[in-house]
Amino acid sequence: MTPLQYEKERVYALDEGGKLVAEITFPETAPGVYTMDHTFVDPSLRGQGMADKLVRAALEQIRENGGTPAATCSYAAAWLAKHPQ
């Protein structure tokens, strides 16, 4: 699977040609609250668990920052509802 790359408030993946193929963004929308507001997975990666991997990576960064996760992105909101821990 395509390796993830990390930036502040963003996790993404590029294909071998440098094209963006997966991304999640989670800006700090209030003090200590990081809102997952955008998740993208290229059709070539769909069905391989990439969106799940993105949300988990975002949550890891949010926790490392001592933050609280929130979501306006429909996928991330549904993911959080299924995984309340």
PDB file of N, CA and C in Angstrom:
ATOM      1  N   MET A   1       0.842  -1.187   0.000  1.00  0.00           N
ATOM      2  CA  MET A   1       0.000   0.000   0.000  1.00  0.00           C
ATOM      3  C   MET A   1       0.881   1.242   0.000  1.00  0.00           C
ATOM      4  N   THR A   2       0.387   2.299  -0.567  1.00  0.00           N
ATOM      5  CA  THR A   2       1.117   3.561  -0.671  1.00  0.00           C
ATOM      6  C   THR A   2       1.440   4.103   0.719  1.00  0.00           C
ATOM      7  N   PRO A   3       2.696   4.478   0.979  1.00  0.00           N
ATOM      8  CA  PRO A   3       3.054   4.984   2.312  1.00  0.00           C
ATOM      9  C   PRO A   3       2.443   6.362   2.575  1.00  0.00           C
ATOM     10  N   LEU A   4       2.099   6.592   3.831  1.00  0.00           N
ATOM     11  CA  LEU A   4       1.543   7.882   4.226  1.00  0.00           C
ATOM     12  C   LEU A   4       2.657   8.871   4.513  1.00  0.00           C
ATOM     13  N   GLN A   5       2.357  10.124   4.261  1.00  0.00           N
ATOM     14  CA  GLN A   5       3.262  11.221   4.575  1.00  0.00           C
ATOM     15  C   GLN A   5       2.527  12.143   5.540  1.00  0.00           C
ATOM     16  N   TYR A   6       3.273  12.772   6.422  1.00  0.00           N
ATOM     17  CA  TYR A   6       2.672  13.553   7.492  1.00  0.00           C
ATOM     18  C   TYR A   6       3.101  15.012   7.425  1.00  0.00           C
ATOM     19  N   GLU A   7       2.138  15.891   7.625  1.00  0.00           N
ATOM     20  CA  GLU A   7       2.373  17.324   7.784  1.00  0.00           C
ATOM     21  C   GLU A   7       1.523  17.765   8.967  1.00  0.00           C
ATOM     22  N   LYS A   8       1.710  18.984   9.381  1.00  0.00           N
ATOM     23  CA  LYS A   8       0.869  19.534  10.441  1.00  0.00           C
ATOM     24  C   LYS A   8      -0.577  19.575   9.930  1.00  0.00           C
ATOM     25  N   GLU A   9      -1.469  18.900  10.665  1.00  0.00           N
ATOM     26  CA  GLU A   9      -2.908  18.910  10.382  1.00  0.00           C
ATOM     27  C   GLU A   9      -3.272  18.302   9.026  1.00  0.00           C
ATOM     28  N   ARG A  10      -2.396  17.409   8.522  1.00  0.00           N
ATOM     29  CA  ARG A  10      -2.660  16.758   7.234  1.00  0.00           C
ATOM     30  C   ARG A  10      -1.863  15.462   7.144  1.00  0.00           C
ATOM     31  N   VAL A  11      -2.513  14.421   6.607  1.00  0.00           N
ATOM     32  CA  VAL A  11      -1.849  13.165   6.276  1.00  0.00           C
ATOM     33  C   VAL A  11      -2.241  12.863   4.839  1.00  0.00           C
ATOM     34  N   TYR A  12      -1.276  12.428   4.030  1.00  0.00           N
ATOM     35  CA  TYR A  12      -1.567  12.192   2.620  1.00  0.00           C
ATOM     36  C   TYR A  12      -0.653  11.117   2.053  1.00  0.00           C
ATOM     37  N   ALA A  13      -0.985  10.702   0.827  1.00  0.00           N
ATOM     38  CA  ALA A  13      -0.168   9.721   0.117  1.00  0.00           C
ATOM     39  C   ALA A  13      -0.077  10.140  -1.342  1.00  0.00           C
ATOM     40  N   LEU A  14       1.085   9.896  -1.922  1.00  0.00           N
ATOM     41  CA  LEU A  14       1.334  10.177  -3.329  1.00  0.00           C
ATOM     42  C   LEU A  14       1.649   8.867  -4.040  1.00  0.00           C
ATOM     43  N   ASP A  15       1.301   8.802  -5.317  1.00  0.00           N
ATOM     44  CA  ASP A  15       1.704   7.619  -6.081  1.00  0.00           C
ATOM     45  C   ASP A  15       3.143   7.794  -6.553  1.00  0.00           C
ATOM     46  N   GLU A  16       3.648   6.825  -7.291  1.00  0.00           N
ATOM     47  CA  GLU A  16       5.040   6.864  -7.745  1.00  0.00           C
ATOM     48  C   GLU A  16       5.343   8.083  -8.603  1.00  0.00           C
ATOM     49  N   GLY A  17       4.343   8.611  -9.287  1.00  0.00           N
ATOM     50  CA  GLY A  17       4.521   9.784 -10.135  1.00  0.00           C
ATOM     51  C   GLY A  17       4.340  11.103  -9.412  1.00  0.00           C
ATOM     52  N   GLY A  18       4.049  11.058  -8.114  1.00  0.00           N
ATOM     53  CA  GLY A  18       3.877  12.276  -7.336  1.00  0.00           C
ATOM     54  C   GLY A  18       2.451  12.803  -7.303  1.00  0.00           C
ATOM     55  N   LYS A  19       1.510  12.049  -7.841  1.00  0.00           N
ATOM     56  CA  LYS A  19       0.103  12.453  -7.842  1.00  0.00           C
ATOM     57  C   LYS A  19      -0.521  12.151  -6.480  1.00  0.00           C
ATOM     58  N   LEU A  20      -1.303  13.100  -5.958  1.00  0.00           N
ATOM     59  CA  LEU A  20      -2.015  12.900  -4.704  1.00  0.00           C
ATOM     60  C   LEU A  20      -3.056  11.799  -4.895  1.00  0.00           C
ATOM     61  N   VAL A  21      -3.001  10.754  -4.056  1.00  0.00           N
ATOM     62  CA  VAL A  21      -3.950   9.647  -4.174  1.00  0.00           C
ATOM     63  C   VAL A  21      -4.764   9.430  -2.900  1.00  0.00           C
ATOM     64  N   ALA A  22      -4.399  10.100  -1.810  1.00  0.00           N
ATOM     65  CA  ALA A  22      -5.159   9.984  -0.569  1.00  0.00           C
ATOM     66  C   ALA A  22      -4.800  11.160   0.333  1.00  0.00           C
ATOM     67  N   GLU A  23      -5.814  11.640   1.083  1.00  0.00           N
ATOM     68  CA  GLU A  23      -5.551  12.798   1.950  1.00  0.00           C
ATOM     69  C   GLU A  23      -6.643  12.919   2.996  1.00  0.00           C
ATOM     70  N   ILE A  24      -6.242  13.361   4.185  1.00  0.00           N
ATOM     71  CA  ILE A  24      -7.174  13.793   5.217  1.00  0.00           C
ATOM     72  C   ILE A  24      -6.603  15.063   5.826  1.00  0.00           C
ATOM     73  N   THR A  25      -7.473  16.029   6.051  1.00  0.00           N
ATOM     74  CA  THR A  25      -7.051  17.271   6.698  1.00  0.00           C
ATOM     75  C   THR A  25      -7.842  17.421   7.991  1.00  0.00           C
ATOM     76  N   PHE A  26      -7.187  18.009   9.003  1.00  0.00           N
ATOM     77  CA  PHE A  26      -7.813  18.144  10.321  1.00  0.00           C
ATOM     78  C   PHE A  26      -7.286  19.396  11.010  1.00  0.00           C
ATOM     79  N   PRO A  27      -7.736  20.579  10.539  1.00  0.00           N
ATOM     80  CA  PRO A  27      -7.284  21.824  11.151  1.00  0.00           C
ATOM     81  C   PRO A  27      -7.789  21.981  12.583  1.00  0.00           C
ATOM     82  N   GLU A  28      -7.040  22.745  13.358  1.00  0.00           N
ATOM     83  CA  GLU A  28      -7.465  23.073  14.718  1.00  0.00           C
ATOM     84  C   GLU A  28      -8.528  24.164  14.600  1.00  0.00           C
ATOM     85  N   THR A  29      -9.768  23.818  14.873  1.00  0.00           N
ATOM     86  CA  THR A  29     -10.892  24.730  14.656  1.00  0.00           C
ATOM     87  C   THR A  29     -11.302  25.484  15.919  1.00  0.00           C
ATOM     88  N   ALA A  30     -10.833  25.019  17.048  1.00  0.00           N
ATOM     89  CA  ALA A  30     -11.015  25.675  18.343  1.00  0.00           C
ATOM     90  C   ALA A  30      -9.817  25.233  19.176  1.00  0.00           C
ATOM     91  N   PRO A  31      -9.514  25.922  20.257  1.00  0.00           N
ATOM     92  CA  PRO A  31      -8.354  25.509  21.045  1.00  0.00           C
ATOM     93  C   PRO A  31      -8.422  24.031  21.438  1.00  0.00           C
ATOM     94  N   GLY A  32      -7.480  23.248  20.920  1.00  0.00           N
ATOM     95  CA  GLY A  32      -7.383  21.830  21.239  1.00  0.00           C
ATOM     96  C   GLY A  32      -8.356  20.930  20.509  1.00  0.00           C
ATOM     97  N   VAL A  33      -9.167  21.473  19.597  1.00  0.00           N
ATOM     98  CA  VAL A  33     -10.129  20.671  18.844  1.00  0.00           C
ATOM     99  C   VAL A  33      -9.690  20.637  17.382  1.00  0.00           C
ATOM    100  N   TYR A  34      -9.442  19.431  16.897  1.00  0.00           N
ATOM    101  CA  TYR A  34      -9.006  19.240  15.515  1.00  0.00           C
ATOM    102  C   TYR A  34     -10.144  18.579  14.745  1.00  0.00           C
ATOM    103  N   THR A  35     -10.626  19.258  13.717  1.00  0.00           N
ATOM    104  CA  THR A  35     -11.786  18.785  12.979  1.00  0.00           C
ATOM    105  C   THR A  35     -11.369  18.155  11.659  1.00  0.00           C
ATOM    106  N   MET A  36     -11.636  16.863  11.526  1.00  0.00           N
ATOM    107  CA  MET A  36     -11.383  16.170  10.266  1.00  0.00           C
ATOM    108  C   MET A  36     -12.453  16.653   9.288  1.00  0.00           C
ATOM    109  N   ASP A  37     -12.018  17.470   8.338  1.00  0.00           N
ATOM    110  CA  ASP A  37     -12.982  18.142   7.464  1.00  0.00           C
ATOM    111  C   ASP A  37     -12.927  17.689   6.010  1.00  0.00           C
ATOM    112  N   HIS A  38     -11.983  16.833   5.682  1.00  0.00           N
ATOM    113  CA  HIS A  38     -11.835  16.418   4.281  1.00  0.00           C
ATOM    114  C   HIS A  38     -11.082  15.096   4.225  1.00  0.00           C
ATOM    115  N   THR A  39     -11.667  14.123   3.556  1.00  0.00           N
ATOM    116  CA  THR A  39     -11.003  12.847   3.298  1.00  0.00           C
ATOM    117  C   THR A  39     -11.154  12.547   1.817  1.00  0.00           C
ATOM    118  N   PHE A  40     -10.045  12.203   1.197  1.00  0.00           N
ATOM    119  CA  PHE A  40     -10.047  11.879  -0.235  1.00  0.00           C
ATOM    120  C   PHE A  40      -9.259  10.602  -0.446  1.00  0.00           C
ATOM    121  N   VAL A  41      -9.818   9.683  -1.229  1.00  0.00           N
ATOM    122  CA  VAL A  41      -9.104   8.478  -1.654  1.00  0.00           C
ATOM    123  C   VAL A  41      -9.353   8.308  -3.147  1.00  0.00           C
ATOM    124  N   ASP A  42      -8.278   8.229  -3.899  1.00  0.00           N
ATOM    125  CA  ASP A  42      -8.361   8.023  -5.333  1.00  0.00           C
ATOM    126  C   ASP A  42      -9.061   6.692  -5.625  1.00  0.00           C
ATOM    127  N   PRO A  43      -9.861   6.632  -6.695  1.00  0.00           N
ATOM    128  CA  PRO A  43     -10.546   5.378  -7.036  1.00  0.00           C
ATOM    129  C   PRO A  43      -9.603   4.171  -7.131  1.00  0.00           C
ATOM    130  N   SER A  44      -8.354   4.395  -7.505  1.00  0.00           N
ATOM    131  CA  SER A  44      -7.410   3.280  -7.636  1.00  0.00           C
ATOM    132  C   SER A  44      -7.093   2.620  -6.294  1.00  0.00           C
ATOM    133  N   LEU A  45      -7.373   3.309  -5.176  1.00  0.00           N
ATOM    134  CA  LEU A  45      -7.074   2.770  -3.844  1.00  0.00           C
ATOM    135  C   LEU A  45      -8.325   2.391  -3.059  1.00  0.00           C
ATOM    136  N   ARG A  46      -9.480   2.633  -3.618  1.00  0.00           N
ATOM    137  CA  ARG A  46     -10.713   2.358  -2.882  1.00  0.00           C
ATOM    138  C   ARG A  46     -10.869   0.868  -2.633  1.00  0.00           C
ATOM    139  N   GLY A  47     -11.463   0.548  -1.483  1.00  0.00           N
ATOM    140  CA  GLY A  47     -11.673  -0.838  -1.104  1.00  0.00           C
ATOM    141  C   GLY A  47     -10.449  -1.497  -0.491  1.00  0.00           C
ATOM    142  N   GLN A  48      -9.400  -0.718  -0.236  1.00  0.00           N
ATOM    143  CA  GLN A  48      -8.156  -1.262   0.325  1.00  0.00           C
ATOM    144  C   GLN A  48      -7.890  -0.782   1.748  1.00  0.00           C
ATOM    145  N   GLY A  49      -8.872  -0.100   2.347  1.00  0.00           N
ATOM    146  CA  GLY A  49      -8.711   0.360   3.728  1.00  0.00           C
ATOM    147  C   GLY A  49      -7.948   1.664   3.878  1.00  0.00           C
ATOM    148  N   MET A  50      -7.742   2.384   2.796  1.00  0.00           N
ATOM    149  CA  MET A  50      -6.949   3.608   2.873  1.00  0.00           C
ATOM    150  C   MET A  50      -7.642   4.685   3.714  1.00  0.00           C
ATOM    151  N   ALA A  51      -8.946   4.875   3.571  1.00  0.00           N
ATOM    152  CA  ALA A  51      -9.641   5.905   4.349  1.00  0.00           C
ATOM    153  C   ALA A  51      -9.529   5.604   5.843  1.00  0.00           C
ATOM    154  N   ASP A  52      -9.677   4.349   6.217  1.00  0.00           N
ATOM    155  CA  ASP A  52      -9.510   3.942   7.612  1.00  0.00           C
ATOM    156  C   ASP A  52      -8.109   4.275   8.103  1.00  0.00           C
ATOM    157  N   LYS A  53      -7.130   3.970   7.289  1.00  0.00           N
ATOM    158  CA  LYS A  53      -5.727   4.250   7.635  1.00  0.00           C
ATOM    159  C   LYS A  53      -5.502   5.751   7.823  1.00  0.00           C
ATOM    160  N   LEU A  54      -6.124   6.569   6.965  1.00  0.00           N
ATOM    161  CA  LEU A  54      -5.995   8.019   7.085  1.00  0.00           C
ATOM    162  C   LEU A  54      -6.586   8.530   8.394  1.00  0.00           C
ATOM    163  N   VAL A  55      -7.788   8.066   8.731  1.00  0.00           N
ATOM    164  CA  VAL A  55      -8.428   8.515   9.973  1.00  0.00           C
ATOM    165  C   VAL A  55      -7.590   8.101  11.175  1.00  0.00           C
ATOM    166  N   ARG A  56      -7.103   6.884  11.185  1.00  0.00           N
ATOM    167  CA  ARG A  56      -6.272   6.420  12.300  1.00  0.00           C
ATOM    168  C   ARG A  56      -4.988   7.255  12.435  1.00  0.00           C
ATOM    169  N   ALA A  57      -4.383   7.602  11.309  1.00  0.00           N
ATOM    170  CA  ALA A  57      -3.163   8.425  11.338  1.00  0.00           C
ATOM    171  C   ALA A  57      -3.472   9.835  11.841  1.00  0.00           C
ATOM    172  N   ALA A  58      -4.612  10.387  11.424  1.00  0.00           N
ATOM    173  CA  ALA A  58      -5.014  11.709  11.899  1.00  0.00           C
ATOM    174  C   ALA A  58      -5.246  11.680  13.406  1.00  0.00           C
ATOM    175  N   LEU A  59      -5.948  10.652  13.875  1.00  0.00           N
ATOM    176  CA  LEU A  59      -6.216  10.542  15.312  1.00  0.00           C
ATOM    177  C   LEU A  59      -4.927  10.415  16.111  1.00  0.00           C
ATOM    178  N   GLU A  60      -3.968   9.705  15.574  1.00  0.00           N
ATOM    179  CA  GLU A  60      -2.672   9.572  16.247  1.00  0.00           C
ATOM    180  C   GLU A  60      -2.014  10.948  16.405  1.00  0.00           C
ATOM    181  N   GLN A  61      -2.022  11.743  15.345  1.00  0.00           N
ATOM    182  CA  GLN A  61      -1.445  13.088  15.434  1.00  0.00           C
ATOM    183  C   GLN A  61      -2.226  13.971  16.399  1.00  0.00           C
ATOM    184  N   ILE A  62      -3.545  13.884  16.343  1.00  0.00           N
ATOM    185  CA  ILE A  62      -4.378  14.691  17.246  1.00  0.00           C
ATOM    186  C   ILE A  62      -4.067  14.345  18.695  1.00  0.00           C
ATOM    187  N   ARG A  63      -3.978  13.061  18.997  1.00  0.00           N
ATOM    188  CA  ARG A  63      -3.667  12.632  20.366  1.00  0.00           C
ATOM    189  C   ARG A  63      -2.272  13.079  20.784  1.00  0.00           C
ATOM    190  N   GLU A  64      -1.300  12.991  19.866  1.00  0.00           N
ATOM    191  CA  GLU A  64       0.058  13.436  20.180  1.00  0.00           C
ATOM    192  C   GLU A  64       0.092  14.921  20.518  1.00  0.00           C
ATOM    193  N   ASN A  65      -0.822  15.688  19.927  1.00  0.00           N
ATOM    194  CA  ASN A  65      -0.915  17.122  20.205  1.00  0.00           C
ATOM    195  C   ASN A  65      -1.771  17.408  21.433  1.00  0.00           C
ATOM    196  N   GLY A  66      -2.286  16.364  22.085  1.00  0.00           N
ATOM    197  CA  GLY A  66      -3.131  16.549  23.254  1.00  0.00           C
ATOM    198  C   GLY A  66      -4.509  17.075  22.897  1.00  0.00           C
ATOM    199  N   GLY A  67      -4.908  16.886  21.643  1.00  0.00           N
ATOM    200  CA  GLY A  67      -6.168  17.438  21.174  1.00  0.00           C
ATOM    201  C   GLY A  67      -7.334  16.482  21.256  1.00  0.00           C
ATOM    202  N   THR A  68      -8.483  17.027  20.907  1.00  0.00           N
ATOM    203  CA  THR A  68      -9.736  16.285  20.855  1.00  0.00           C
ATOM    204  C   THR A  68     -10.185  16.234  19.405  1.00  0.00           C
ATOM    205  N   PRO A  69     -10.557  15.050  18.903  1.00  0.00           N
ATOM    206  CA  PRO A  69     -11.008  14.963  17.521  1.00  0.00           C
ATOM    207  C   PRO A  69     -12.477  15.360  17.362  1.00  0.00           C
ATOM    208  N   ALA A  70     -12.769  15.910  16.193  1.00  0.00           N
ATOM    209  CA  ALA A  70     -14.131  16.206  15.767  1.00  0.00           C
ATOM    210  C   ALA A  70     -14.163  15.925  14.274  1.00  0.00           C
ATOM    211  N   ALA A  71     -15.347  15.923  13.674  1.00  0.00           N
ATOM    212  CA  ALA A  71     -15.420  15.645  12.234  1.00  0.00           C
ATOM    213  C   ALA A  71     -16.606  16.353  11.601  1.00  0.00           C
ATOM    214  N   THR A  72     -16.356  16.951  10.443  1.00  0.00           N
ATOM    215  CA  THR A  72     -17.425  17.443   9.578  1.00  0.00           C
ATOM    216  C   THR A  72     -17.457  16.628   8.292  1.00  0.00           C
ATOM    217  N   CYS A  73     -16.388  15.921   8.008  1.00  0.00           N
ATOM    218  CA  CYS A  73     -16.327  15.007   6.867  1.00  0.00           C
ATOM    219  C   CYS A  73     -17.226  13.813   7.177  1.00  0.00           C
ATOM    220  N   SER A  74     -18.077  13.438   6.243  1.00  0.00           N
ATOM    221  CA  SER A  74     -19.037  12.361   6.510  1.00  0.00           C
ATOM    222  C   SER A  74     -18.352  11.025   6.811  1.00  0.00           C
ATOM    223  N   TYR A  75     -17.284  10.700   6.101  1.00  0.00           N
ATOM    224  CA  TYR A  75     -16.590   9.432   6.369  1.00  0.00           C
ATOM    225  C   TYR A  75     -16.001   9.441   7.774  1.00  0.00           C
ATOM    226  N   ALA A  76     -15.288  10.508   8.122  1.00  0.00           N
ATOM    227  CA  ALA A  76     -14.655  10.583   9.442  1.00  0.00           C
ATOM    228  C   ALA A  76     -15.694  10.582  10.549  1.00  0.00           C
ATOM    229  N   ALA A  77     -16.815  11.279  10.349  1.00  0.00           N
ATOM    230  CA  ALA A  77     -17.868  11.301  11.367  1.00  0.00           C
ATOM    231  C   ALA A  77     -18.443   9.906  11.582  1.00  0.00           C
ATOM    232  N   ALA A  78     -18.689   9.173  10.498  1.00  0.00           N
ATOM    233  CA  ALA A  78     -19.209   7.807  10.610  1.00  0.00           C
ATOM    234  C   ALA A  78     -18.170   6.903  11.275  1.00  0.00           C
ATOM    235  N   TRP A  79     -16.888   7.083  10.951  1.00  0.00           N
ATOM    236  CA  TRP A  79     -15.818   6.287  11.536  1.00  0.00           C
ATOM    237  C   TRP A  79     -15.783   6.510  13.052  1.00  0.00           C
ATOM    238  N   LEU A  80     -15.846   7.775  13.464  1.00  0.00           N
ATOM    239  CA  LEU A  80     -15.807   8.080  14.904  1.00  0.00           C
ATOM    240  C   LEU A  80     -17.019   7.493  15.622  1.00  0.00           C
ATOM    241  N   ALA A  81     -18.173   7.511  14.991  1.00  0.00           N
ATOM    242  CA  ALA A  81     -19.372   6.937  15.601  1.00  0.00           C
ATOM    243  C   ALA A  81     -19.226   5.425  15.800  1.00  0.00           C
ATOM    244  N   LYS A  82     -18.539   4.756  14.869  1.00  0.00           N
ATOM    245  CA  LYS A  82     -18.327   3.309  14.978  1.00  0.00           C
ATOM    246  C   LYS A  82     -17.220   2.941  15.947  1.00  0.00           C
ATOM    247  N   HIS A  83     -16.312   3.880  16.212  1.00  0.00           N
ATOM    248  CA  HIS A  83     -15.149   3.629  17.077  1.00  0.00           C
ATOM    249  C   HIS A  83     -15.107   4.679  18.181  1.00  0.00           C
ATOM    250  N   PRO A  84     -16.025   4.637  19.150  1.00  0.00           N
ATOM    251  CA  PRO A  84     -16.093   5.688  20.164  1.00  0.00           C
ATOM    252  C   PRO A  84     -14.878   5.750  21.095  1.00  0.00           C
ATOM    253  N   GLN A  85     -14.071   4.707  21.138  1.00  0.00           N
ATOM    254  CA  GLN A  85     -12.896   4.712  22.003  1.00  0.00           C
ATOM    255  C   GLN A  85     -11.888   5.693  21.489  1.00  0.00           C
TER     256      GLN A  85
END
